[in-house]
Amino acid sequence: MIIDGTPQLSKIVGTMLLMSDITIVPLKPGAFDLRAVQTFQQHFEQASLLKETKAYLLMNMYEKTHLGMEAWEAMQDLGFPVLHSKLGNRVAFAEAVTE
């Protein structure tokens, strides 16, 4: 299961975690997503009391930016394993929508 959205605000995150064996949480570089992981962690810890489950972080990386590199380093300290693969920034898709 991939949670893509606002996991810190959703009331169904706990239910989704109980339904999954592995959860992948994609994050963008920035304080909002990094803070959201702290709230997600609370949901995860509650679900883990009821079921063995795993969660991984997946970076939506802006490879060559200072913010992207700082966020990558910060993710290492959030308490979840970080996947080595990274999502790329799909600028072409965003540009196509505006044309």
C-alpha atoms as a PDB file:
ATOM      1  CA  MET A   1       0.000   0.000   0.000  1.00  0.00           C
ATOM      2  CA  ILE A   2       1.287   3.462  -0.829  1.00  0.00           C
ATOM      3  CA  ILE A   3      -0.059   6.355   1.214  1.00  0.00           C
ATOM      4  CA  ASP A   4       0.185   9.416  -0.974  1.00  0.00           C
ATOM      5  CA  GLY A   5      -1.511  12.469   0.400  1.00  0.00           C
ATOM      6  CA  THR A   6      -1.818  13.756   3.908  1.00  0.00           C
ATOM      7  CA  PRO A   7      -1.303  10.764   6.199  1.00  0.00           C
ATOM      8  CA  GLN A   8      -1.023  12.965   9.276  1.00  0.00           C
ATOM      9  CA  LEU A   9      -4.592  14.250   8.874  1.00  0.00           C
ATOM     10  CA  SER A  10      -6.403  11.164   7.692  1.00  0.00           C
ATOM     11  CA  LYS A  11      -8.552   9.293  10.168  1.00  0.00           C
ATOM     12  CA  ILE A  12      -8.288   6.120   8.100  1.00  0.00           C
ATOM     13  CA  VAL A  13      -4.499   5.776   8.212  1.00  0.00           C
ATOM     14  CA  GLY A  14      -4.716   3.368  11.154  1.00  0.00           C
ATOM     15  CA  THR A  15      -7.173   1.185   9.278  1.00  0.00           C
ATOM     16  CA  MET A  16      -4.996   1.232   6.158  1.00  0.00           C
ATOM     17  CA  LEU A  17      -1.962   0.232   8.208  1.00  0.00           C
ATOM     18  CA  LEU A  18      -3.878  -2.685   9.721  1.00  0.00           C
ATOM     19  CA  MET A  19      -4.822  -3.839   6.225  1.00  0.00           C
ATOM     20  CA  SER A  20      -1.258  -3.732   4.892  1.00  0.00           C
ATOM     21  CA  ASP A  21       1.858  -5.777   5.507  1.00  0.00           C
ATOM     22  CA  ILE A  22       4.179  -3.121   4.104  1.00  0.00           C
ATOM     23  CA  THR A  23       3.509   0.594   3.758  1.00  0.00           C
ATOM     24  CA  ILE A  24       5.570   2.929   1.580  1.00  0.00           C
ATOM     25  CA  VAL A  25       5.264   6.623   2.365  1.00  0.00           C
ATOM     26  CA  PRO A  26       6.499   8.937  -0.409  1.00  0.00           C
ATOM     27  CA  LEU A  27       7.836  12.278   0.803  1.00  0.00           C
ATOM     28  CA  LYS A  28       8.787  15.496  -0.913  1.00  0.00           C
ATOM     29  CA  PRO A  29      11.694  17.558   0.393  1.00  0.00           C
ATOM     30  CA  GLY A  30      10.443  20.075   2.908  1.00  0.00           C
ATOM     31  CA  ALA A  31       9.360  20.645   6.464  1.00  0.00           C
ATOM     32  CA  PHE A  32       5.679  19.811   5.890  1.00  0.00           C
ATOM     33  CA  ASP A  33       6.306  16.250   4.716  1.00  0.00           C
ATOM     34  CA  LEU A  34       9.018  15.637   7.300  1.00  0.00           C
ATOM     35  CA  ARG A  35       6.671  16.787  10.087  1.00  0.00           C
ATOM     36  CA  ALA A  36       3.881  14.637   8.675  1.00  0.00           C
ATOM     37  CA  VAL A  37       6.028  11.555   9.265  1.00  0.00           C
ATOM     38  CA  GLN A  38       6.005  12.264  13.001  1.00  0.00           C
ATOM     39  CA  THR A  39       2.203  12.082  13.047  1.00  0.00           C
ATOM     40  CA  PHE A  40       2.250   9.056  10.742  1.00  0.00           C
ATOM     41  CA  GLN A  41       4.618   7.408  13.208  1.00  0.00           C
ATOM     42  CA  GLN A  42       1.983   7.693  15.957  1.00  0.00           C
ATOM     43  CA  HIS A  43      -0.553   5.886  13.740  1.00  0.00           C
ATOM     44  CA  PHE A  44       2.079   3.313  12.845  1.00  0.00           C
ATOM     45  CA  GLU A  45       2.988   2.614  16.465  1.00  0.00           C
ATOM     46  CA  GLN A  46      -0.689   2.102  17.374  1.00  0.00           C
ATOM     47  CA  ALA A  47      -1.208  -0.273  14.429  1.00  0.00           C
ATOM     48  CA  SER A  48       1.980  -2.151  15.311  1.00  0.00           C
ATOM     49  CA  LEU A  49       0.492  -3.039  18.691  1.00  0.00           C
ATOM     50  CA  LEU A  50      -2.263  -4.948  16.886  1.00  0.00           C
ATOM     51  CA  LYS A  51      -0.406  -6.319  13.872  1.00  0.00           C
ATOM     52  CA  GLU A  52       3.146  -6.836  12.679  1.00  0.00           C
ATOM     53  CA  THR A  53       3.647  -4.365   9.850  1.00  0.00           C
ATOM     54  CA  LYS A  54       6.516  -2.498   8.202  1.00  0.00           C
ATOM     55  CA  ALA A  55       6.809   1.009   6.817  1.00  0.00           C
ATOM     56  CA  TYR A  56       9.407   2.531   4.527  1.00  0.00           C
ATOM     57  CA  LEU A  57      10.021   6.085   3.384  1.00  0.00           C
ATOM     58  CA  LEU A  58      10.455   6.848  -0.319  1.00  0.00           C
ATOM     59  CA  MET A  59      11.931  10.181  -1.354  1.00  0.00           C
ATOM     60  CA  ASN A  60      10.395  12.225  -4.144  1.00  0.00           C
ATOM     61  CA  MET A  61      13.819  13.663  -4.768  1.00  0.00           C
ATOM     62  CA  TYR A  62      14.869  16.879  -6.364  1.00  0.00           C
ATOM     63  CA  GLU A  63      18.314  15.358  -6.944  1.00  0.00           C
ATOM     64  CA  LYS A  64      20.465  18.388  -7.505  1.00  0.00           C
ATOM     65  CA  THR A  65      18.942  20.800  -5.024  1.00  0.00           C
ATOM     66  CA  HIS A  66      20.247  21.713  -1.611  1.00  0.00           C
ATOM     67  CA  LEU A  67      16.762  21.165  -0.152  1.00  0.00           C
ATOM     68  CA  GLY A  68      16.612  17.668  -1.622  1.00  0.00           C
ATOM     69  CA  MET A  69      19.968  16.680  -0.153  1.00  0.00           C
ATOM     70  CA  GLU A  70      19.063  18.107   3.265  1.00  0.00           C
ATOM     71  CA  ALA A  71      15.723  16.299   3.250  1.00  0.00           C
ATOM     72  CA  TRP A  72      17.435  13.030   2.293  1.00  0.00           C
ATOM     73  CA  GLU A  73      19.751  13.380   5.302  1.00  0.00           C
ATOM     74  CA  ALA A  74      16.857  14.311   7.622  1.00  0.00           C
ATOM     75  CA  MET A  75      14.881  11.231   6.524  1.00  0.00           C
ATOM     76  CA  GLN A  76      17.624   9.005   7.895  1.00  0.00           C
ATOM     77  CA  ASP A  77      16.703  10.097  11.448  1.00  0.00           C
ATOM     78  CA  LEU A  78      12.911   9.674  11.269  1.00  0.00           C
ATOM     79  CA  GLY A  79      12.751   6.144  12.659  1.00  0.00           C
ATOM     80  CA  PHE A  80      11.781   4.310   9.449  1.00  0.00           C
ATOM     81  CA  PRO A  81      13.979   2.604   6.881  1.00  0.00           C
ATOM     82  CA  VAL A  82      14.521   4.795   3.815  1.00  0.00           C
ATOM     83  CA  LEU A  83      14.406   3.122   0.416  1.00  0.00           C
ATOM     84  CA  HIS A  84      17.477   3.702  -1.736  1.00  0.00           C
ATOM     85  CA  SER A  85      15.329   4.245  -4.827  1.00  0.00           C
ATOM     86  CA  LYS A  86      14.012   7.748  -5.347  1.00  0.00           C
ATOM     87  CA  LEU A  87      11.111   9.153  -7.299  1.00  0.00           C
ATOM     88  CA  GLY A  88      12.070  11.750  -9.860  1.00  0.00           C
ATOM     89  CA  ASN A  89      10.528  15.159 -10.319  1.00  0.00           C
ATOM     90  CA  ARG A  90       8.128  14.923 -13.252  1.00  0.00           C
ATOM     91  CA  VAL A  91       8.357  18.433 -14.632  1.00  0.00           C
ATOM     92  CA  ALA A  92       7.262  17.367 -18.102  1.00  0.00           C
ATOM     93  CA  PHE A  93       3.925  16.152 -16.747  1.00  0.00           C
ATOM     94  CA  ALA A  94       3.284  19.414 -14.869  1.00  0.00           C
ATOM     95  CA  GLU A  95       4.208  21.467 -17.942  1.00  0.00           C
ATOM     96  CA  ALA A  96       1.947  19.393 -20.204  1.00  0.00           C
ATOM     97  CA  VAL A  97      -1.063  20.075 -17.977  1.00  0.00           C
ATOM     98  CA  THR A  98      -0.624  23.833 -18.262  1.00  0.00           C
ATOM     99  CA  GLU A  99      -0.322  23.837 -22.078  1.00  0.00           C
END
